[in-house]
């Protein structure tokens, strides 16, 4: 598995148990900002995560 896919899986695993902010995800997983931005954008675009108005990301049914 490529590094980018591994990071996507780690983000989904982290968001599985509770909603997370961008900074929380970055801090816990230590993913570079640019990479994390792309990963979150792709996961939201494909319906695996959604972003609430307060900025927290949560996993969707598709992501489970």
C-alpha atoms as a PDB file:
ATOM      1  CA  UNK A   1       0.000   0.000   0.000  1.00  0.00           C
ATOM      2  CA  UNK A   2       1.333   3.430  -0.908  1.00  0.00           C
ATOM      3  CA  UNK A   3       2.017   6.049   1.756  1.00  0.00           C
ATOM      4  CA  UNK A   4      -0.923   8.213   0.643  1.00  0.00           C
ATOM      5  CA  UNK A   5      -3.361   5.304   0.960  1.00  0.00           C
ATOM      6  CA  UNK A   6      -1.900   4.375   4.350  1.00  0.00           C
ATOM      7  CA  UNK A   7      -2.481   7.934   5.518  1.00  0.00           C
ATOM      8  CA  UNK A   8      -6.079   7.876   4.271  1.00  0.00           C
ATOM      9  CA  UNK A   9      -6.723   4.701   6.250  1.00  0.00           C
ATOM     10  CA  UNK A  10      -5.160   6.256   9.366  1.00  0.00           C
ATOM     11  CA  UNK A  11      -7.401   9.334   9.019  1.00  0.00           C
ATOM     12  CA  UNK A  12     -10.508   7.162   8.662  1.00  0.00           C
ATOM     13  CA  UNK A  13      -9.489   5.058  11.665  1.00  0.00           C
ATOM     14  CA  UNK A  14      -8.962   8.196  13.757  1.00  0.00           C
ATOM     15  CA  UNK A  15     -12.339   9.656  12.764  1.00  0.00           C
ATOM     16  CA  UNK A  16     -14.117   6.339  13.366  1.00  0.00           C
ATOM     17  CA  UNK A  17     -14.583   6.874  17.093  1.00  0.00           C
ATOM     18  CA  UNK A  18     -15.281  10.615  17.214  1.00  0.00           C
ATOM     19  CA  UNK A  19     -15.389  13.812  15.201  1.00  0.00           C
ATOM     20  CA  UNK A  20     -12.005  15.482  14.772  1.00  0.00           C
ATOM     21  CA  UNK A  21     -10.760  18.925  13.826  1.00  0.00           C
ATOM     22  CA  UNK A  22      -8.152  19.435  11.127  1.00  0.00           C
ATOM     23  CA  UNK A  23      -5.551  20.440  13.706  1.00  0.00           C
ATOM     24  CA  UNK A  24      -6.357  17.426  15.897  1.00  0.00           C
ATOM     25  CA  UNK A  25      -5.893  15.063  12.959  1.00  0.00           C
ATOM     26  CA  UNK A  26      -2.635  16.787  11.982  1.00  0.00           C
ATOM     27  CA  UNK A  27      -1.283  16.665  15.522  1.00  0.00           C
ATOM     28  CA  UNK A  28      -2.220  13.051  16.216  1.00  0.00           C
ATOM     29  CA  UNK A  29      -1.101  11.593  12.883  1.00  0.00           C
ATOM     30  CA  UNK A  30       1.802  13.982  12.196  1.00  0.00           C
ATOM     31  CA  UNK A  31       0.919  14.309   8.527  1.00  0.00           C
ATOM     32  CA  UNK A  32       2.349  17.345   6.693  1.00  0.00           C
ATOM     33  CA  UNK A  33      -0.219  20.124   6.214  1.00  0.00           C
ATOM     34  CA  UNK A  34      -0.326  19.996   2.409  1.00  0.00           C
ATOM     35  CA  UNK A  35      -0.712  16.222   2.400  1.00  0.00           C
ATOM     36  CA  UNK A  36      -3.419  16.295   5.043  1.00  0.00           C
ATOM     37  CA  UNK A  37      -5.338  18.968   3.140  1.00  0.00           C
ATOM     38  CA  UNK A  38      -5.321  16.801  -0.012  1.00  0.00           C
ATOM     39  CA  UNK A  39      -6.267  13.648   1.885  1.00  0.00           C
ATOM     40  CA  UNK A  40      -9.185  15.291   3.702  1.00  0.00           C
ATOM     41  CA  UNK A  41     -10.375  16.958   0.501  1.00  0.00           C
ATOM     42  CA  UNK A  42     -10.355  13.633  -1.348  1.00  0.00           C
ATOM     43  CA  UNK A  43     -12.108  11.758   1.458  1.00  0.00           C
ATOM     44  CA  UNK A  44     -14.817  14.442   1.609  1.00  0.00           C
ATOM     45  CA  UNK A  45     -15.142  14.585  -2.192  1.00  0.00           C
ATOM     46  CA  UNK A  46     -15.637  10.819  -2.404  1.00  0.00           C
ATOM     47  CA  UNK A  47     -18.107  10.728   0.467  1.00  0.00           C
ATOM     48  CA  UNK A  48     -16.048   8.951   3.125  1.00  0.00           C
ATOM     49  CA  UNK A  49     -15.894  11.961   5.442  1.00  0.00           C
ATOM     50  CA  UNK A  50     -18.039  15.018   5.911  1.00  0.00           C
ATOM     51  CA  UNK A  51     -17.077  18.343   7.412  1.00  0.00           C
ATOM     52  CA  UNK A  52     -19.431  20.075   9.818  1.00  0.00           C
ATOM     53  CA  UNK A  53     -19.888  23.836   9.981  1.00  0.00           C
ATOM     54  CA  UNK A  54     -17.764  23.940  13.142  1.00  0.00           C
ATOM     55  CA  UNK A  55     -14.864  22.457  11.162  1.00  0.00           C
ATOM     56  CA  UNK A  56     -14.984  18.940  12.586  1.00  0.00           C
ATOM     57  CA  UNK A  57     -14.680  15.956  10.273  1.00  0.00           C
ATOM     58  CA  UNK A  58     -16.712  12.814  10.787  1.00  0.00           C
ATOM     59  CA  UNK A  59     -16.920   9.495   9.041  1.00  0.00           C
ATOM     60  CA  UNK A  60     -19.966   8.766   6.888  1.00  0.00           C
ATOM     61  CA  UNK A  61     -21.795   5.489   6.405  1.00  0.00           C
ATOM     62  CA  UNK A  62     -19.816   5.030   3.187  1.00  0.00           C
ATOM     63  CA  UNK A  63     -16.588   5.372   5.163  1.00  0.00           C
ATOM     64  CA  UNK A  64     -17.580   2.724   7.664  1.00  0.00           C
END
